[in-house]
């Protein structure tokens, strides 16, 4: 049985095996994942280490 991963920004869900291209981060001690679309849209903010609340 495959675990479902949810994008922390838009709520998109996918089986864990299909999220190899998603971005993961640790924010406030919690692991979060972002789908391809959200990762592309917010790439500069991610690289600048801004918390997602600032996007």
PDB file of N, CA and C in Angstrom:
ATOM      1  N   UNK A   1       0.841  -1.182   0.000  1.00  0.00           N
ATOM      2  CA  UNK A   1       0.000   0.000   0.000  1.00  0.00           C
ATOM      3  C   UNK A   1       0.885   1.243   0.000  1.00  0.00           C
ATOM      4  N   UNK A   2       0.630   2.155  -0.907  1.00  0.00           N
ATOM      5  CA  UNK A   2       1.449   3.347  -1.078  1.00  0.00           C
ATOM      6  C   UNK A   2       0.910   4.508  -0.237  1.00  0.00           C
ATOM      7  N   UNK A   3       1.826   5.246   0.355  1.00  0.00           N
ATOM      8  CA  UNK A   3       1.457   6.426   1.140  1.00  0.00           C
ATOM      9  C   UNK A   3       1.134   7.579   0.192  1.00  0.00           C
ATOM     10  N   UNK A   4       0.147   8.369   0.533  1.00  0.00           N
ATOM     11  CA  UNK A   4      -0.208   9.541  -0.264  1.00  0.00           C
ATOM     12  C   UNK A   4       0.499  10.759   0.310  1.00  0.00           C
ATOM     13  N   UNK A   5       1.074  11.568  -0.589  1.00  0.00           N
ATOM     14  CA  UNK A   5       1.763  12.792  -0.199  1.00  0.00           C
ATOM     15  C   UNK A   5       0.908  13.975  -0.651  1.00  0.00           C
ATOM     16  N   UNK A   6       0.796  14.993   0.189  1.00  0.00           N
ATOM     17  CA  UNK A   6      -0.015  16.167  -0.110  1.00  0.00           C
ATOM     18  C   UNK A   6       0.872  17.397  -0.192  1.00  0.00           C
ATOM     19  N   UNK A   7       0.664  18.209  -1.219  1.00  0.00           N
ATOM     20  CA  UNK A   7       1.392  19.467  -1.370  1.00  0.00           C
ATOM     21  C   UNK A   7       0.948  20.408  -0.250  1.00  0.00           C
ATOM     22  N   UNK A   8       1.912  20.943   0.478  1.00  0.00           N
ATOM     23  CA  UNK A   8       1.608  21.817   1.609  1.00  0.00           C
ATOM     24  C   UNK A   8       1.072  23.175   1.167  1.00  0.00           C
ATOM     25  N   UNK A   9       1.206  23.515  -0.101  1.00  0.00           N
ATOM     26  CA  UNK A   9       0.751  24.820  -0.566  1.00  0.00           C
ATOM     27  C   UNK A   9      -0.624  24.750  -1.237  1.00  0.00           C
ATOM     28  N   UNK A  10      -0.788  23.851  -2.216  1.00  0.00           N
ATOM     29  CA  UNK A  10      -2.045  23.828  -2.979  1.00  0.00           C
ATOM     30  C   UNK A  10      -2.947  22.642  -2.649  1.00  0.00           C
ATOM     31  N   UNK A  11      -2.436  21.631  -1.939  1.00  0.00           N
ATOM     32  CA  UNK A  11      -3.258  20.493  -1.553  1.00  0.00           C
ATOM     33  C   UNK A  11      -3.300  19.347  -2.545  1.00  0.00           C
ATOM     34  N   UNK A  12      -2.556  19.439  -3.659  1.00  0.00           N
ATOM     35  CA  UNK A  12      -2.498  18.347  -4.630  1.00  0.00           C
ATOM     36  C   UNK A  12      -2.002  17.084  -3.935  1.00  0.00           C
ATOM     37  N   UNK A  13      -2.598  15.945  -4.261  1.00  0.00           N
ATOM     38  CA  UNK A  13      -2.195  14.678  -3.666  1.00  0.00           C
ATOM     39  C   UNK A  13      -1.708  13.721  -4.737  1.00  0.00           C
ATOM     40  N   UNK A  14      -0.722  12.889  -4.367  1.00  0.00           N
ATOM     41  CA  UNK A  14      -0.187  11.885  -5.284  1.00  0.00           C
ATOM     42  C   UNK A  14       0.436  10.763  -4.460  1.00  0.00           C
ATOM     43  N   UNK A  15       0.473   9.550  -5.025  1.00  0.00           N
ATOM     44  CA  UNK A  15       1.167   8.456  -4.340  1.00  0.00           C
ATOM     45  C   UNK A  15       2.652   8.807  -4.187  1.00  0.00           C
ATOM     46  N   UNK A  16       3.247   8.371  -3.108  1.00  0.00           N
ATOM     47  CA  UNK A  16       4.637   8.704  -2.815  1.00  0.00           C
ATOM     48  C   UNK A  16       5.573   8.349  -3.970  1.00  0.00           C
ATOM     49  N   UNK A  17       5.313   7.258  -4.668  1.00  0.00           N
ATOM     50  CA  UNK A  17       6.167   6.836  -5.778  1.00  0.00           C
ATOM     51  C   UNK A  17       6.163   7.836  -6.935  1.00  0.00           C
ATOM     52  N   UNK A  18       5.138   8.673  -7.022  1.00  0.00           N
ATOM     53  CA  UNK A  18       5.037   9.651  -8.103  1.00  0.00           C
ATOM     54  C   UNK A  18       5.527  11.041  -7.708  1.00  0.00           C
ATOM     55  N   UNK A  19       6.117  11.168  -6.524  1.00  0.00           N
ATOM     56  CA  UNK A  19       6.535  12.489  -6.039  1.00  0.00           C
ATOM     57  C   UNK A  19       8.059  12.668  -6.053  1.00  0.00           C
ATOM     58  N   UNK A  20       8.738  11.903  -6.869  1.00  0.00           N
ATOM     59  CA  UNK A  20      10.201  11.997  -6.917  1.00  0.00           C
ATOM     60  C   UNK A  20      10.697  13.370  -7.360  1.00  0.00           C
ATOM     61  N   UNK A  21       9.901  14.090  -8.125  1.00  0.00           N
ATOM     62  CA  UNK A  21      10.304  15.414  -8.605  1.00  0.00           C
ATOM     63  C   UNK A  21       9.745  16.544  -7.739  1.00  0.00           C
ATOM     64  N   UNK A  22       9.041  16.218  -6.685  1.00  0.00           N
ATOM     65  CA  UNK A  22       8.523  17.235  -5.778  1.00  0.00           C
ATOM     66  C   UNK A  22       9.654  17.773  -4.901  1.00  0.00           C
ATOM     67  N   UNK A  23       9.449  18.941  -4.338  1.00  0.00           N
ATOM     68  CA  UNK A  23      10.416  19.549  -3.437  1.00  0.00           C
ATOM     69  C   UNK A  23       9.994  19.261  -2.002  1.00  0.00           C
ATOM     70  N   UNK A  24      10.967  18.939  -1.156  1.00  0.00           N
ATOM     71  CA  UNK A  24      10.683  18.744   0.261  1.00  0.00           C
ATOM     72  C   UNK A  24      11.507  19.740   1.069  1.00  0.00           C
ATOM     73  N   UNK A  25      10.991  20.114   2.211  1.00  0.00           N
ATOM     74  CA  UNK A  25      11.681  21.056   3.080  1.00  0.00           C
ATOM     75  C   UNK A  25      11.308  20.756   4.529  1.00  0.00           C
ATOM     76  N   UNK A  26      12.101  21.276   5.437  1.00  0.00           N
ATOM     77  CA  UNK A  26      11.780  21.189   6.854  1.00  0.00           C
ATOM     78  C   UNK A  26      11.513  22.609   7.332  1.00  0.00           C
ATOM     79  N   UNK A  27      10.297  22.853   7.756  1.00  0.00           N
ATOM     80  CA  UNK A  27       9.890  24.164   8.250  1.00  0.00           C
ATOM     81  C   UNK A  27       9.388  24.019   9.677  1.00  0.00           C
ATOM     82  N   UNK A  28      10.043  24.719  10.587  1.00  0.00           N
ATOM     83  CA  UNK A  28       9.666  24.682  12.010  1.00  0.00           C
ATOM     84  C   UNK A  28       9.625  23.256  12.542  1.00  0.00           C
ATOM     85  N   UNK A  29      10.598  22.447  12.113  1.00  0.00           N
ATOM     86  CA  UNK A  29      10.710  21.078  12.579  1.00  0.00           C
ATOM     87  C   UNK A  29       9.766  20.091  11.926  1.00  0.00           C
ATOM     88  N   UNK A  30       9.033  20.525  10.908  1.00  0.00           N
ATOM     89  CA  UNK A  30       8.050  19.663  10.247  1.00  0.00           C
ATOM     90  C   UNK A  30       8.437  19.486   8.790  1.00  0.00           C
ATOM     91  N   UNK A  31       8.418  18.247   8.293  1.00  0.00           N
ATOM     92  CA  UNK A  31       8.730  17.978   6.889  1.00  0.00           C
ATOM     93  C   UNK A  31       7.512  18.285   6.030  1.00  0.00           C
ATOM     94  N   UNK A  32       7.718  19.101   4.990  1.00  0.00           N
ATOM     95  CA  UNK A  32       6.632  19.457   4.079  1.00  0.00           C
ATOM     96  C   UNK A  32       7.062  19.168   2.647  1.00  0.00           C
ATOM     97  N   UNK A  33       6.094  18.911   1.785  1.00  0.00           N
ATOM     98  CA  UNK A  33       6.353  18.627   0.378  1.00  0.00           C
ATOM     99  C   UNK A  33       5.574  19.609  -0.482  1.00  0.00           C
ATOM    100  N   UNK A  34       6.164  19.960  -1.640  1.00  0.00           N
ATOM    101  CA  UNK A  34       5.525  20.861  -2.586  1.00  0.00           C
ATOM    102  C   UNK A  34       5.535  20.217  -3.962  1.00  0.00           C
ATOM    103  N   UNK A  35       4.389  20.260  -4.661  1.00  0.00           N
ATOM    104  CA  UNK A  35       4.269  19.652  -5.985  1.00  0.00           C
ATOM    105  C   UNK A  35       5.142  20.395  -7.001  1.00  0.00           C
ATOM    106  N   UNK A  36       5.282  19.816  -8.191  1.00  0.00           N
ATOM    107  CA  UNK A  36       6.101  20.414  -9.247  1.00  0.00           C
ATOM    108  C   UNK A  36       5.673  21.836  -9.567  1.00  0.00           C
ATOM    109  N   UNK A  37       4.370  22.047  -9.695  1.00  0.00           N
ATOM    110  CA  UNK A  37       3.853  23.360 -10.072  1.00  0.00           C
ATOM    111  C   UNK A  37       4.179  24.415  -9.019  1.00  0.00           C
ATOM    112  N   UNK A  38       3.917  24.121  -7.764  1.00  0.00           N
ATOM    113  CA  UNK A  38       4.209  25.074  -6.694  1.00  0.00           C
ATOM    114  C   UNK A  38       5.714  25.278  -6.551  1.00  0.00           C
ATOM    115  N   UNK A  39       6.483  24.228  -6.745  1.00  0.00           N
ATOM    116  CA  UNK A  39       7.937  24.341  -6.660  1.00  0.00           C
ATOM    117  C   UNK A  39       8.470  25.303  -7.711  1.00  0.00           C
ATOM    118  N   UNK A  40       7.966  25.197  -8.939  1.00  0.00           N
ATOM    119  CA  UNK A  40       8.409  26.111 -10.004  1.00  0.00           C
ATOM    120  C   UNK A  40       7.993  27.550  -9.723  1.00  0.00           C
ATOM    121  N   UNK A  41       6.767  27.719  -9.280  1.00  0.00           N
ATOM    122  CA  UNK A  41       6.239  29.056  -9.024  1.00  0.00           C
ATOM    123  C   UNK A  41       7.001  29.775  -7.907  1.00  0.00           C
ATOM    124  N   UNK A  42       7.419  29.039  -6.890  1.00  0.00           N
ATOM    125  CA  UNK A  42       8.021  29.653  -5.709  1.00  0.00           C
ATOM    126  C   UNK A  42       9.508  29.316  -5.546  1.00  0.00           C
ATOM    127  N   UNK A  43      10.168  28.990  -6.643  1.00  0.00           N
ATOM    128  CA  UNK A  43      11.559  28.568  -6.592  1.00  0.00           C
ATOM    129  C   UNK A  43      12.474  29.597  -5.938  1.00  0.00           C
ATOM    130  N   UNK A  44      12.362  30.860  -6.301  1.00  0.00           N
ATOM    131  CA  UNK A  44      13.234  31.888  -5.721  1.00  0.00           C
ATOM    132  C   UNK A  44      13.041  32.015  -4.217  1.00  0.00           C
ATOM    133  N   UNK A  45      11.824  31.945  -3.759  1.00  0.00           N
ATOM    134  CA  UNK A  45      11.564  32.035  -2.323  1.00  0.00           C
ATOM    135  C   UNK A  45      12.157  30.823  -1.597  1.00  0.00           C
ATOM    136  N   UNK A  46      12.052  29.643  -2.216  1.00  0.00           N
ATOM    137  CA  UNK A  46      12.622  28.442  -1.609  1.00  0.00           C
ATOM    138  C   UNK A  46      14.144  28.545  -1.519  1.00  0.00           C
ATOM    139  N   UNK A  47      14.762  28.986  -2.599  1.00  0.00           N
ATOM    140  CA  UNK A  47      16.220  29.119  -2.595  1.00  0.00           C
ATOM    141  C   UNK A  47      16.683  30.177  -1.602  1.00  0.00           C
ATOM    142  N   UNK A  48      15.865  31.189  -1.359  1.00  0.00           N
ATOM    143  CA  UNK A  48      16.186  32.226  -0.390  1.00  0.00           C
ATOM    144  C   UNK A  48      15.887  31.807   1.040  1.00  0.00           C
ATOM    145  N   UNK A  49      15.446  30.547   1.227  1.00  0.00           N
ATOM    146  CA  UNK A  49      15.144  29.978   2.542  1.00  0.00           C
ATOM    147  C   UNK A  49      14.024  30.706   3.271  1.00  0.00           C
ATOM    148  N   UNK A  50      13.094  31.300   2.518  1.00  0.00           N
ATOM    149  CA  UNK A  50      11.945  31.955   3.141  1.00  0.00           C
ATOM    150  C   UNK A  50      10.920  30.903   3.540  1.00  0.00           C
ATOM    151  N   UNK A  51      10.315  31.046   4.708  1.00  0.00           N
ATOM    152  CA  UNK A  51       9.237  30.152   5.102  1.00  0.00           C
ATOM    153  C   UNK A  51       8.075  30.321   4.135  1.00  0.00           C
ATOM    154  N   UNK A  52       7.315  29.280   3.926  1.00  0.00           N
ATOM    155  CA  UNK A  52       6.216  29.323   2.967  1.00  0.00           C
ATOM    156  C   UNK A  52       5.167  30.371   3.311  1.00  0.00           C
ATOM    157  N   UNK A  53       5.075  30.782   4.563  1.00  0.00           N
ATOM    158  CA  UNK A  53       4.098  31.817   4.919  1.00  0.00           C
ATOM    159  C   UNK A  53       4.422  33.156   4.248  1.00  0.00           C
ATOM    160  N   UNK A  54       5.640  33.343   3.752  1.00  0.00           N
ATOM    161  CA  UNK A  54       6.041  34.589   3.085  1.00  0.00           C
ATOM    162  C   UNK A  54       5.800  34.560   1.585  1.00  0.00           C
ATOM    163  N   UNK A  55       5.430  33.417   1.024  1.00  0.00           N
ATOM    164  CA  UNK A  55       5.218  33.339  -0.421  1.00  0.00           C
ATOM    165  C   UNK A  55       3.910  33.968  -0.736  1.00  0.00           C
TER     166      UNK A  55
END
